[in-house]
Amino acid sequence: MTDMNRGNGSKLKDVSRIAASTIALDPVTYRALAQLVSEIPGAAVAASIDAYSGAEWEVGRVGDNARTRVCFIDYDQNPDQALWLTQRLRADFPDVHVFAVSADSQPDRIIVAMRAGCAEYLLKPLQPDRILDGLDRVEAMQKERTRSKVRGKTTTLIGAKGGTGVTTLALHLALELGGNQPRKCLLVDQHAVLGDASLYLGVGRHQYSFYELANNTDRLDQELLRGFLLHHSSGLDLLDSPETMDFIHRTSPAAIERTLAFLSEAYPFVVVDCPPGLTDTTLACASQSDQIAIVMTPELPAVRNAVRYMEHLERLGNKAGKVQIVLNRYSKKGPLSDERIEQALGRSIYLHVPNSYSEVIRAINSGAPITSVKSDFGSAIQKWARDITAGGGKSEAAAANSQNGGRWSLFGT
């Protein structure tokens, strides 16, 4: 067997406290792995578990104080249970790195395992260099995760109802925050199917979506992220939505939260384009946001829904100053006055975005976003971006909420 420290630049030369666990490994494979791990300074096989059922909780208790936790799962005895267990570990214990172990080298099997969340796919009989290379990678990833980072600002936009123009506002806000500087702002299209952000920007579609990135939280690093990004000529980066109508995501809220936390460390500004409704996924985005913008139009259903959204978000612990109202398609001659809307909401409108329907439609159809030059719409977006950059835009809503002292209903309820 080769020298486990290899003297070839391996990060494992300085490793300490690797806690490994195994699940359903055959005796020959287990003995080879245990021998290998025993020769790595500071590493040990802390648990050997025979069955898949209930194994996630045993793994979760192994090596709580270890710097790096790795679980080797046999994918031969019961592939379906192995996949299910990998997904559970990824969702419940994201700091555990899963290594699939199998005699099956079929590409489809490998792809399925990696999409389930495996950090590595090791073939039997185990090759020491492959294991050590895999441990190198997860060790480097773990160090990157624990390094002190400056967190960027995340803004989540939610439509009070369908058709309020959330995507248009989100992409223009993201472009303004990016300021033509690469990797300064990321736009996340959080729609479960057929989001329009990439269409509006004219950057084509990506074969992988935000949800598929979130399904790989245990592998999240800058290299993985780069493979999921679309790039606009302005320097704005985009995580696309799924393209197919039959896409069903099974991404847990915890995975969404961890992904957005990672993205906010990778970018100074993150803008999330959400569909209407307060689903578990949208609430997970909101929980990781510095500002939640409820986008509404001056019409009765939108006002009613905005009130309900605010009440629900505040019950979940989002302070009033974090939740803002953005009134899109605003006109001084609109059917509902600002006074009536604000009385119903119990707070001031944070931002008025003028009704520039023709201008917006031209921008969408041409794939050329509106600029702030000689545009009331662009000027409103520019003001919003300045507030976010300066960390402002919170005191007005909080003050108005306390001044109004309650909500006057437009709906008779």
Foldseek 3Di string as FASTA:
>chain_A
DDQLCNPPPFPLVPAAFEEEEEEQDDPVQVVVVQVSQVNRHRGGDQYYHNHLPPVLVVLVVTRPPGLAYEYEYECPPPVVSSLVSLLVCCQPPLRYAYEYEYQDPDPVSVVSSVLSAHQYYAHPPGDSVRVSVSVSLLSVVSVVVPDDFDFAAEEEEAELAPPLCLLLLLLLLQLLLCQLPAQAEEEAEPDQEDDCNCLLQVQDDAQDAPLSQLSHSSNDDPVVVVNQWTAHNSNYIYGHHHYDPPGDHPRALSSLLSSVRVSRRRHNYYYYRDYHDDDSNSLSSLVNHQAYEHRAEPDDSSLVSLLVVQVVNVVVPDDQLRYAYEYEQDDCPDPDHQVQSCQQNLAHHLFYQHRPPVVSVVSRVVSNRDDLPPDSNNVRSNVVSVCSVVVHSRPRGVVSNVVSVDHDDPVPD
